[in-house]
């Protein structure tokens, strides 16, 4: 009996501990949730009284919901926006307060700048626009171009073909390892550019290749380097998948380490456009979504056949400080992972590793969340989180609340709520 009792206690403990990972707010919020995050000892979340109605207009009131760390509501503050079509909000953080920049679209566009202190007191400081020093986001990405703004500079990367007409053109190109160019040849270029938003002065660095063509570039700028990646495909018949990666100094005068072309894993009939670059303490992680072609057939009103890509897997490539790829992992939508929704995920840096939270769809409209953690050696740990399966979690709109916690909005029967999810961070 003693053994049975101990086993029962252990079993109950095992059930109770994971269940405590999910905490739900004791109120429902409004539309278009914007999470400001932790301020002092409170969690601040904004929402609107109505959804976007563009091109129509409607009267919108913003509500600042102030929660304690366990998501119990402490207080609410109201901000009237008036009759508008849509709105957007961005945050800039300081030591004892944060600023909320609100852009309203209507027949007369307007911008509000609010200052919010740790107690939730809201002050309108729109007449002092200089308080807002954060750059407006200008991210852009397609098959041949990507741009990312940081502070007062726009960083971009583009692909194009060029003819090497004389030896002077060759000197302006950083050749890929093992390649030699001669006049009269057509080379594919990967052009990395840094432009000052105010003065329009710019510098650029060009990479070139005869045997590889680039597509789906990505770029990020950190305080110490510019990181650039792109898919690279052989000009000759080949099913191999390659990834171009380079670290450049912040003035684009030279590569910090020799650029590399990394042979990469793939699944047959899938393409892998890079989705992002993540830098942890000692590693760079390239995240790519594996896209598979899917045909849709319609028989009414007449026979139609169309095709499109859907996300079938997630590919994680880990690169060390010398630009060597030492982990190249594909997590497929097969087996126990067949219900993962790769287009609804959040990726966070966690010390020396990364965390990935992804929504999971079960049968009968039940939903969940799976947590992947990858340490600096590339080892992956997978865990299904214990959450309320009735809710539809908007993981892509979530926000980290510090190490081991994230705030996730969700939908339920037309209502909107919040869940604080605690997890074991990577070690």
Protein backbone atom coordinates (compact mmCIF):
# COMPACT_ATOMS: atom_id res chain seq x y z
CA UNK A 1 0.00 0.00 0.00
CA UNK A 2 2.85 2.37 0.79
CA UNK A 3 4.37 1.74 -2.64
CA UNK A 4 1.01 2.32 -4.32
CA UNK A 5 0.51 5.57 -2.36
CA UNK A 6 3.95 6.88 -3.34
CA UNK A 7 3.25 6.02 -6.99
CA UNK A 8 -0.07 7.86 -6.88
CA UNK A 9 1.53 10.94 -5.33
CA UNK A 10 4.25 10.90 -8.02
CA UNK A 11 1.67 10.53 -10.77
CA UNK A 12 -0.43 13.42 -9.45
CA UNK A 13 2.65 15.62 -9.18
CA UNK A 14 3.60 14.81 -12.74
CA UNK A 15 0.12 15.83 -13.90
CA UNK A 16 -0.09 19.00 -11.82
CA UNK A 17 3.31 20.45 -12.65
CA UNK A 18 2.89 20.60 -16.45
CA UNK A 19 -0.66 21.90 -16.00
CA UNK A 20 0.74 24.94 -14.20
CA UNK A 21 2.63 25.99 -17.34
CA UNK A 22 -0.48 27.61 -18.85
CA UNK A 23 -2.15 30.55 -17.08
CA UNK A 24 -5.13 32.33 -18.61
CA UNK A 25 -6.21 35.94 -18.19
CA UNK A 26 -9.39 36.32 -16.16
CA UNK A 27 -10.95 38.59 -18.83
CA UNK A 28 -11.39 38.55 -22.59
CA UNK A 29 -9.71 41.36 -24.54
CA UNK A 30 -10.77 43.35 -27.59
CA UNK A 31 -9.60 43.13 -31.20
CA UNK A 32 -6.12 43.37 -32.76
CA UNK A 33 -4.16 42.65 -29.61
CA UNK A 34 -0.82 44.45 -29.24
CA UNK A 35 1.41 43.15 -26.44
CA UNK A 36 3.67 45.77 -24.86
CA UNK A 37 5.17 43.24 -22.42
CA UNK A 38 6.41 43.52 -18.85
CA UNK A 39 6.55 46.98 -17.28
CA UNK A 40 7.68 47.02 -13.68
CA UNK A 41 5.66 44.29 -11.96
CA UNK A 42 2.83 44.34 -14.51
CA UNK A 43 2.06 43.01 -17.96
CA UNK A 44 0.65 45.56 -20.41
CA UNK A 45 -1.58 44.56 -23.34
CA UNK A 46 -3.52 46.83 -25.71
CA UNK A 47 -6.65 45.97 -27.69
CA UNK A 48 -9.34 47.76 -29.73
CA UNK A 49 -13.10 48.00 -29.33
CA UNK A 50 -13.68 46.92 -32.95
CA UNK A 51 -11.83 45.15 -35.73
CA UNK A 52 -10.33 46.88 -38.76
CA UNK A 53 -13.14 48.01 -41.05
CA UNK A 54 -11.13 49.35 -44.00
CA UNK A 55 -12.27 50.87 -46.36
CA UNK A 56 -15.19 51.73 -44.05
CA UNK A 57 -14.62 53.69 -40.86
CA UNK A 58 -15.80 53.06 -37.33
CA UNK A 59 -15.33 54.56 -33.90
CA UNK A 60 -12.36 52.93 -32.14
CA UNK A 61 -11.45 52.98 -28.46
CA UNK A 62 -8.16 51.45 -27.36
CA UNK A 63 -7.96 49.75 -23.96
CA UNK A 64 -4.76 49.25 -21.99
CA UNK A 65 -5.19 46.07 -19.93
CA UNK A 66 -2.83 45.94 -16.94
CA UNK A 67 -2.29 42.46 -15.47
CA UNK A 68 -0.25 41.12 -12.60
CA UNK A 69 2.29 38.34 -13.44
CA UNK A 70 -0.44 35.68 -13.02
CA UNK A 71 -2.68 37.47 -15.57
CA UNK A 72 -5.22 38.74 -13.04
CA UNK A 73 -6.56 42.10 -14.21
CA UNK A 74 -5.41 45.04 -12.08
CA UNK A 75 -6.68 48.02 -14.03
CA UNK A 76 -7.77 49.27 -17.47
CA UNK A 77 -7.19 52.61 -19.20
CA UNK A 78 -9.07 53.95 -22.25
CA UNK A 79 -7.74 55.97 -25.21
CA UNK A 80 -10.21 57.30 -27.81
CA UNK A 81 -9.02 57.20 -31.42
CA UNK A 82 -12.27 58.46 -32.96
CA UNK A 83 -13.71 57.54 -36.37
CA UNK A 84 -10.96 55.73 -38.28
CA UNK A 85 -10.46 52.95 -40.85
CA UNK A 86 -7.52 51.16 -39.25
CA UNK A 87 -4.73 51.62 -36.77
CA UNK A 88 -1.28 50.24 -36.00
CA UNK A 89 0.84 50.38 -32.87
CA UNK A 90 4.55 50.08 -32.16
CA UNK A 91 6.46 50.28 -28.87
CA UNK A 92 9.74 51.88 -27.78
CA UNK A 93 11.11 50.93 -24.37
CA UNK A 94 12.96 53.00 -21.76
CA UNK A 95 14.15 52.26 -18.20
CA UNK A 96 11.04 53.30 -16.30
CA UNK A 97 8.44 53.69 -19.06
CA UNK A 98 7.66 52.92 -22.67
CA UNK A 99 6.23 54.84 -25.61
CA UNK A 100 3.38 53.74 -27.84
CA UNK A 101 3.30 55.16 -31.37
CA UNK A 102 -0.20 54.85 -32.86
CA UNK A 103 -0.82 55.55 -36.56
CA UNK A 104 -4.48 56.00 -37.54
CA UNK A 105 -5.76 55.80 -41.11
CA UNK A 106 -8.90 57.83 -41.88
CA UNK A 107 -9.98 60.73 -44.08
CA UNK A 108 -7.48 62.69 -41.98
CA UNK A 109 -4.51 60.50 -41.05
CA UNK A 110 -3.10 61.13 -37.62
CA UNK A 111 -0.41 59.87 -35.26
CA UNK A 112 -0.49 59.69 -31.49
CA UNK A 113 2.53 59.30 -29.24
CA UNK A 114 1.76 58.08 -25.73
CA UNK A 115 4.04 57.70 -22.72
CA UNK A 116 3.14 54.94 -20.27
CA UNK A 117 4.89 54.59 -16.90
CA UNK A 118 5.26 51.46 -14.75
CA UNK A 119 1.98 52.19 -12.92
CA UNK A 120 0.06 52.40 -16.18
CA UNK A 121 -0.39 56.17 -16.22
CA UNK A 122 -0.89 57.30 -19.82
CA UNK A 123 0.34 60.72 -21.02
CA UNK A 124 -0.20 62.14 -24.52
CA UNK A 125 3.20 63.44 -25.72
CA UNK A 126 2.26 63.79 -29.39
CA UNK A 127 3.48 67.40 -29.35
CA UNK A 128 7.02 66.10 -28.62
CA UNK A 129 7.68 63.73 -31.56
CA UNK A 130 11.44 63.79 -30.88
CA UNK A 131 10.83 61.41 -27.97
CA UNK A 132 10.27 58.66 -30.54
CA UNK A 133 13.71 57.61 -31.76
CA UNK A 134 12.91 54.10 -32.93
CA UNK A 135 13.00 53.62 -36.68
CA UNK A 136 9.80 52.72 -38.47
CA UNK A 137 9.97 49.12 -39.62
CA UNK A 138 10.66 48.82 -43.34
CA UNK A 139 11.08 45.10 -43.84
CA UNK A 140 10.51 43.78 -47.34
CA UNK A 141 11.13 40.41 -48.94
CA UNK A 142 10.48 38.58 -52.21
CA UNK A 143 12.24 36.01 -54.39
CA UNK A 144 14.97 38.44 -55.55
CA UNK A 145 15.13 41.19 -52.90
CA UNK A 146 15.06 41.73 -49.14
CA UNK A 147 15.41 44.85 -46.98
CA UNK A 148 15.70 45.49 -43.27
CA UNK A 149 15.90 48.84 -41.52
CA UNK A 150 17.96 49.35 -38.36
CA UNK A 151 18.10 52.78 -36.75
CA UNK A 152 18.97 55.30 -39.48
CA UNK A 153 20.08 52.83 -42.15
CA UNK A 154 18.35 50.62 -44.69
CA UNK A 155 20.14 47.32 -45.38
CA UNK A 156 19.17 45.47 -48.54
CA UNK A 157 20.23 42.50 -50.64
CA UNK A 158 19.28 41.89 -54.27
CA UNK A 159 20.15 39.42 -57.04
CA UNK A 160 20.80 40.26 -60.70
CA UNK A 161 22.85 39.14 -63.71
CA UNK A 162 25.79 41.18 -65.03
CA UNK A 163 28.37 40.95 -67.81
CA UNK A 164 32.04 41.10 -66.82
CA UNK A 165 33.33 43.33 -69.62
CA UNK A 166 36.89 43.92 -68.39
CA UNK A 167 39.23 43.06 -65.53
CA UNK A 168 38.17 46.16 -63.54
CA UNK A 169 34.66 44.69 -63.12
CA UNK A 170 36.12 41.51 -61.72
CA UNK A 171 37.95 43.42 -58.98
CA UNK A 172 34.70 44.82 -57.63
CA UNK A 173 33.21 41.38 -57.02
CA UNK A 174 33.88 39.01 -54.14
CA UNK A 175 34.07 35.62 -55.82
CA UNK A 176 32.61 32.53 -54.26
CA UNK A 177 35.20 30.02 -53.05
CA UNK A 178 36.85 28.10 -55.89
CA UNK A 179 35.60 30.32 -58.73
CA UNK A 180 37.49 32.47 -61.24
CA UNK A 181 35.94 35.06 -63.53
CA UNK A 182 37.22 36.36 -66.86
CA UNK A 183 35.95 39.22 -69.09
CA UNK A 184 33.03 38.32 -71.35
CA UNK A 185 31.30 36.06 -68.86
CA UNK A 186 27.84 36.55 -67.37
CA UNK A 187 27.88 36.31 -63.61
CA UNK A 188 25.02 36.25 -61.13
CA UNK A 189 25.50 38.92 -58.48
CA UNK A 190 24.28 39.17 -54.92
CA UNK A 191 24.39 42.89 -54.09
CA UNK A 192 24.43 43.90 -50.42
CA UNK A 193 23.77 47.60 -49.79
CA UNK A 194 23.73 49.94 -46.80
CA UNK A 195 22.00 53.31 -47.25
CA UNK A 196 21.74 56.26 -44.87
CA UNK A 197 18.04 57.20 -44.68
CA UNK A 198 18.81 60.90 -44.14
CA UNK A 199 21.75 61.66 -46.43
CA UNK A 200 21.07 58.92 -49.03
CA UNK A 201 24.76 58.06 -48.97
CA UNK A 202 25.35 54.37 -49.59
CA UNK A 203 27.99 51.66 -49.79
CA UNK A 204 27.71 48.20 -51.25
CA UNK A 205 29.48 44.87 -51.50
CA UNK A 206 28.92 42.46 -54.41
CA UNK A 207 29.25 38.69 -54.41
CA UNK A 208 29.39 36.86 -57.73
CA UNK A 209 29.18 33.34 -59.10
CA UNK A 210 29.32 31.61 -62.48
CA UNK A 211 28.01 28.25 -61.36
CA UNK A 212 25.43 29.22 -58.75
CA UNK A 213 22.31 31.35 -58.94
CA UNK A 214 20.81 33.04 -55.88
CA UNK A 215 17.21 33.49 -54.81
CA UNK A 216 15.12 34.21 -51.68
CA UNK A 217 17.76 36.37 -49.95
CA UNK A 218 17.48 37.46 -46.31
CA UNK A 219 19.46 40.07 -44.37
CA UNK A 220 19.70 41.29 -40.77
CA UNK A 221 21.91 43.90 -39.15
CA UNK A 222 23.19 43.53 -35.60
CA UNK A 223 25.38 45.87 -33.55
CA UNK A 224 28.52 44.05 -34.70
CA UNK A 225 27.82 42.56 -38.12
CA UNK A 226 25.57 42.27 -41.16
CA UNK A 227 24.35 38.72 -41.80
CA UNK A 228 23.25 37.68 -45.29
CA UNK A 229 21.88 34.39 -46.57
CA UNK A 230 20.19 33.08 -49.73
CA UNK A 231 19.26 29.85 -51.39
CA UNK A 232 21.87 28.86 -53.99
CA UNK A 233 21.13 26.60 -56.94
CA UNK A 234 23.57 25.05 -59.40
CA UNK A 235 23.36 26.19 -63.02
CA UNK A 236 23.91 22.62 -64.15
CA UNK A 237 21.35 19.84 -63.73
CA UNK A 238 21.45 18.97 -60.04
CA UNK A 239 19.03 18.18 -57.26
CA UNK A 240 21.43 19.43 -54.60
CA UNK A 241 20.39 22.26 -52.29
CA UNK A 242 22.91 24.91 -51.23
CA UNK A 243 22.79 27.86 -48.84
CA UNK A 244 24.93 30.99 -49.22
CA UNK A 245 25.94 32.67 -45.95
CA UNK A 246 28.17 35.65 -45.19
CA UNK A 247 29.09 37.80 -42.18
CA UNK A 248 30.09 41.34 -43.12
CA UNK A 249 31.35 44.26 -41.10
CA UNK A 250 28.86 47.04 -40.42
CA UNK A 251 30.45 49.32 -43.06
CA UNK A 252 30.35 46.66 -45.81
CA UNK A 253 34.07 47.09 -46.41
CA UNK A 254 34.85 43.39 -46.16
CA UNK A 255 33.56 39.99 -45.07
CA UNK A 256 34.45 39.26 -41.45
CA UNK A 257 34.91 35.58 -42.35
CA UNK A 258 35.13 33.99 -45.78
CA UNK A 259 31.61 33.56 -47.24
CA UNK A 260 30.49 29.97 -47.71
CA UNK A 261 28.22 27.84 -49.88
CA UNK A 262 26.83 25.11 -47.65
CA UNK A 263 25.40 21.90 -49.07
CA UNK A 264 22.14 21.35 -47.28
CA UNK A 265 19.57 18.64 -46.60
CA UNK A 266 16.32 18.57 -48.51
CA UNK A 267 13.19 16.50 -49.06
CA UNK A 268 12.37 15.58 -52.64
CA UNK A 269 10.02 18.02 -54.39
CA UNK A 270 10.26 20.62 -51.63
CA UNK A 271 11.82 24.08 -51.87
CA UNK A 272 13.39 25.88 -48.90
CA UNK A 273 13.25 29.68 -49.01
CA UNK A 274 15.07 31.08 -45.95
CA UNK A 275 12.53 32.50 -43.48
CA UNK A 276 14.96 34.22 -41.14
CA UNK A 277 18.37 34.52 -39.52
CA UNK A 278 18.68 34.18 -35.74
CA UNK A 279 21.84 35.00 -33.79
CA UNK A 280 22.35 33.55 -30.33
CA UNK A 281 25.44 33.98 -28.13
CA UNK A 282 27.81 31.75 -30.11
CA UNK A 283 25.83 30.55 -33.12
CA UNK A 284 23.86 31.67 -36.15
CA UNK A 285 20.71 29.75 -36.99
CA UNK A 286 19.11 29.82 -40.44
CA UNK A 287 15.43 28.90 -40.42
CA UNK A 288 13.80 27.78 -43.70
CA UNK A 289 10.29 26.56 -44.42
CA UNK A 290 9.99 23.49 -46.62
CA UNK A 291 7.32 24.25 -49.24
CA UNK A 292 5.59 21.47 -51.14
CA UNK A 293 3.44 21.89 -54.27
CA UNK A 294 -0.20 20.98 -53.76
CA UNK A 295 -2.82 20.73 -56.49
CA UNK A 296 -6.44 21.69 -55.90
CA UNK A 297 -9.15 20.33 -58.19
CA UNK A 298 -12.60 21.91 -58.46
CA UNK A 299 -15.43 20.29 -60.38
CA UNK A 300 -18.00 23.08 -60.13
CA UNK A 301 -19.08 25.14 -61.98
CA UNK A 302 -16.62 23.57 -64.40
CA UNK A 303 -13.50 21.47 -64.08
CA UNK A 304 -10.61 23.56 -62.75
CA UNK A 305 -7.15 22.63 -61.64
CA UNK A 306 -4.86 24.95 -59.71
CA UNK A 307 -1.75 24.63 -57.63
CA UNK A 308 -0.07 26.32 -54.72
CA UNK A 309 2.61 25.73 -52.10
CA UNK A 310 1.97 24.76 -48.51
CA UNK A 311 4.46 24.49 -45.65
CA UNK A 312 5.32 20.85 -45.04
CA UNK A 313 8.44 21.06 -42.85
CA UNK A 314 10.82 23.31 -40.97
CA UNK A 315 14.55 23.28 -41.68
CA UNK A 316 17.08 24.51 -39.11
CA UNK A 317 20.71 25.06 -40.13
CA UNK A 318 23.19 25.89 -37.38
CA UNK A 319 26.44 27.69 -38.23
CA UNK A 320 29.41 28.16 -35.92
CA UNK A 321 31.66 31.21 -35.54
CA UNK A 322 33.90 30.03 -38.42
CA UNK A 323 30.96 29.71 -40.84
CA UNK A 324 30.92 25.92 -40.66
CA UNK A 325 27.53 24.21 -40.78
CA UNK A 326 27.51 21.58 -38.03
CA UNK A 327 23.75 20.87 -37.74
CA UNK A 328 21.23 20.70 -40.57
CA UNK A 329 17.89 19.40 -39.31
CA UNK A 330 14.52 18.98 -41.00
CA UNK A 331 11.41 18.56 -38.84
CA UNK A 332 8.76 17.07 -41.08
CA UNK A 333 4.99 17.06 -40.97
CA UNK A 334 4.96 13.30 -40.61
CA UNK A 335 4.54 10.85 -37.74
CA UNK A 336 3.77 12.57 -34.45
CA UNK A 337 4.42 15.99 -36.03
CA UNK A 338 1.87 15.67 -38.83
CA UNK A 339 -0.47 18.21 -37.21
CA UNK A 340 2.06 21.02 -36.74
CA UNK A 341 1.22 24.35 -38.38
CA UNK A 342 4.57 25.79 -39.48
CA UNK A 343 3.06 29.09 -40.61
CA UNK A 344 1.91 29.83 -37.05
CA UNK A 345 5.12 29.77 -35.01
CA UNK A 346 7.32 31.99 -32.86
CA UNK A 347 11.12 31.79 -32.66
CA UNK A 348 13.01 33.21 -29.66
CA UNK A 349 16.67 33.51 -28.76
CA UNK A 350 17.38 31.86 -25.41
CA UNK A 351 20.93 32.39 -24.19
CA UNK A 352 23.11 30.03 -26.21
CA UNK A 353 20.23 28.39 -28.06
CA UNK A 354 16.83 29.03 -29.59
CA UNK A 355 13.21 28.25 -28.71
CA UNK A 356 10.49 27.49 -31.26
CA UNK A 357 6.81 27.46 -30.33
CA UNK A 358 4.46 26.09 -32.98
CA UNK A 359 0.69 25.62 -33.01
CA UNK A 360 -0.70 22.11 -33.44
CA UNK A 361 -4.07 21.14 -34.88
CA UNK A 362 -5.81 18.08 -33.51
CA UNK A 363 -8.99 16.38 -34.68
CA UNK A 364 -12.43 17.80 -33.88
CA UNK A 365 -11.16 21.42 -33.88
CA UNK A 366 -8.84 20.88 -30.94
CA UNK A 367 -5.62 22.86 -30.76
CA UNK A 368 -2.32 22.70 -28.92
CA UNK A 369 1.22 24.04 -28.87
CA UNK A 370 4.51 22.20 -29.33
CA UNK A 371 7.78 23.55 -27.93
CA UNK A 372 11.14 22.83 -29.60
CA UNK A 373 14.38 23.90 -27.94
CA UNK A 374 17.80 23.69 -29.60
CA UNK A 375 20.99 24.14 -27.59
CA UNK A 376 24.29 25.49 -28.92
CA UNK A 377 25.35 21.99 -29.99
CA UNK A 378 22.25 21.64 -32.17
CA UNK A 379 20.48 19.05 -30.04
CA UNK A 380 16.70 19.39 -30.28
CA UNK A 381 14.22 18.68 -27.51
CA UNK A 382 10.50 18.46 -28.34
CA UNK A 383 7.65 18.85 -25.87
CA UNK A 384 3.87 19.09 -26.28
CA UNK A 385 2.62 21.80 -23.92
CA UNK A 386 -0.46 21.17 -21.79
CA UNK A 387 -2.95 23.88 -22.79
CA UNK A 388 -6.72 24.21 -23.20
CA UNK A 389 -7.41 22.50 -26.54
CA UNK A 390 -10.61 24.50 -27.16
CA UNK A 391 -8.70 27.66 -28.02
CA UNK A 392 -7.19 28.71 -31.37
CA UNK A 393 -3.73 30.04 -30.45
CA UNK A 394 -2.18 32.91 -32.43
CA UNK A 395 1.41 31.86 -31.79
CA UNK A 396 2.86 34.09 -34.51
CA UNK A 397 1.48 37.14 -32.60
CA UNK A 398 2.92 36.04 -29.24
CA UNK A 399 5.64 37.88 -27.34
CA UNK A 400 8.34 36.69 -24.98
CA UNK A 401 8.10 37.77 -21.33
CA UNK A 402 11.66 36.97 -20.37
CA UNK A 403 13.43 33.66 -20.06
CA UNK A 404 11.02 30.73 -20.02
CA UNK A 405 7.73 32.58 -20.52
CA UNK A 406 5.66 33.85 -23.44
CA UNK A 407 2.29 35.60 -23.76
CA UNK A 408 0.05 34.16 -26.51
CA UNK A 409 -3.27 35.60 -27.76
CA UNK A 410 -6.05 33.12 -28.64
CA UNK A 411 -9.52 33.02 -30.18
CA UNK A 412 -12.56 31.20 -28.81
CA UNK A 413 -16.11 31.44 -30.21
CA UNK A 414 -15.54 34.96 -31.47
CA UNK A 415 -13.86 36.09 -28.24
CA UNK A 416 -10.21 36.93 -27.69
CA UNK A 417 -8.11 36.02 -24.70
CA UNK A 418 -4.54 35.72 -23.42
CA UNK A 419 -2.47 32.82 -22.14
CA UNK A 420 0.87 33.02 -20.35
CA UNK A 421 2.84 29.89 -21.20
CA UNK A 422 5.84 28.90 -19.10
CA UNK A 423 8.38 26.41 -20.42
CA UNK A 424 11.78 25.00 -19.57
CA UNK A 425 14.28 27.14 -21.53
CA UNK A 426 17.21 25.61 -23.35
CA UNK A 427 20.26 24.83 -21.23
